Amino acid sequence: MDHPHPPVIARIHVDPAAIRENQRHPTSDLDPIVVTVDDRTVRGKHVEIRGPSEVRYQRGQPLSGGVHVWVEAPATVVLVDGEPCV
């Protein structure tokens, strides 16, 4: 009997510390968008979600790292620079 695999979920959030660093230091060019899939994390400046997605907030249940608001995408997610995430 085949058991369907659960969909791979990409979680996308913004790193406010990277934005602050970029604002404080004009030569800084940190990537503030963080995409996590399973145990893999990539960063970028422009992310494209190719399919459905949801914005989530769970009071009192942040993601690891204290992330309170994020996008969940059970779809193809790519950095516009070309690196596929999912």
Protein backbone atom coordinates (compact mmCIF):
# COMPACT_ATOMS: atom_id res chain seq x y z
CA MET A 1 0.00 0.00 0.00
CA ASP A 2 1.42 3.39 -1.00
CA HIS A 3 1.57 6.09 1.61
CA PRO A 4 1.58 9.58 0.16
CA HIS A 5 4.46 11.74 1.27
CA PRO A 6 3.44 14.91 3.08
CA PRO A 7 4.02 17.98 0.93
CA VAL A 8 7.32 19.78 1.35
CA ILE A 9 6.62 23.12 3.01
CA ALA A 10 8.85 26.16 2.51
CA ARG A 11 8.75 28.70 5.34
CA ILE A 12 9.74 32.23 4.38
CA HIS A 13 10.38 35.12 6.74
CA VAL A 14 12.25 38.43 6.87
CA ASP A 15 15.31 38.86 9.08
CA PRO A 16 14.94 42.32 10.68
CA ALA A 17 18.54 42.24 11.94
CA ALA A 18 19.79 42.01 8.33
CA ILE A 19 17.64 44.99 7.36
CA ARG A 20 18.93 47.04 10.31
CA GLU A 21 22.53 46.13 9.44
CA ASN A 22 21.99 47.22 5.81
CA GLN A 23 20.48 50.52 6.96
CA ARG A 24 23.28 51.27 9.44
CA HIS A 25 26.14 50.42 7.11
CA PRO A 26 25.82 51.57 3.49
CA THR A 27 28.42 49.03 2.35
CA SER A 28 26.54 46.13 3.95
CA ASP A 29 24.50 44.01 1.54
CA LEU A 30 22.98 41.22 3.63
CA ASP A 31 20.15 39.10 2.20
CA PRO A 32 17.13 39.70 4.48
CA ILE A 33 14.71 37.08 3.12
CA VAL A 34 15.14 33.65 4.70
CA VAL A 35 13.70 30.49 3.12
CA THR A 36 13.75 27.29 5.17
CA VAL A 37 12.85 23.87 3.79
CA ASP A 38 13.33 20.97 6.19
CA ASP A 39 16.85 21.57 7.59
CA ARG A 40 18.08 23.67 4.64
CA THR A 41 18.13 27.47 4.83
CA VAL A 42 18.93 29.89 2.02
CA ARG A 43 18.82 33.68 1.94
CA GLY A 44 18.02 36.14 -0.80
CA LYS A 45 16.65 39.52 -1.76
CA HIS A 46 13.86 38.39 -4.05
CA VAL A 47 11.87 35.17 -3.70
CA GLU A 48 9.23 33.89 -6.09
CA ILE A 49 6.48 31.55 -4.87
CA ARG A 50 5.07 29.53 -7.76
CA GLY A 51 1.78 28.34 -6.37
CA PRO A 52 -0.42 28.70 -3.29
CA SER A 53 0.90 30.15 -0.05
CA GLU A 54 -0.35 31.36 3.33
CA VAL A 55 0.85 34.03 5.74
CA ARG A 56 0.89 32.60 9.28
CA TYR A 57 1.01 34.09 12.77
CA GLN A 58 0.76 31.84 15.81
CA ARG A 59 0.71 33.77 19.04
CA GLY A 60 2.87 32.07 21.62
CA GLN A 61 4.18 29.48 19.13
CA PRO A 62 6.96 31.12 17.11
CA LEU A 63 9.20 29.18 14.78
CA SER A 64 12.74 28.50 15.90
CA GLY A 65 14.70 31.71 16.14
CA GLY A 66 11.65 33.57 17.47
CA VAL A 67 9.96 34.12 14.09
CA HIS A 68 6.34 35.13 14.74
CA VAL A 69 5.10 35.85 11.20
CA TRP A 70 6.02 33.78 8.15
CA VAL A 71 4.79 32.57 4.79
CA GLU A 72 4.15 28.86 4.27
CA ALA A 73 4.29 27.63 0.71
CA PRO A 74 3.60 24.00 -0.25
CA ALA A 75 4.69 25.03 -3.71
CA THR A 76 7.78 25.67 -5.77
CA VAL A 77 9.85 28.47 -4.24
CA VAL A 78 12.90 29.90 -5.99
CA LEU A 79 15.30 32.72 -5.36
CA VAL A 80 15.06 35.02 -8.34
CA ASP A 81 18.84 34.75 -8.58
CA GLY A 82 18.09 31.21 -9.73
CA GLU A 83 18.67 28.86 -6.79
CA PRO A 84 15.62 26.60 -6.28
CA CYS A 85 14.55 26.15 -2.69
CA VAL A 86 11.72 23.63 -3.18
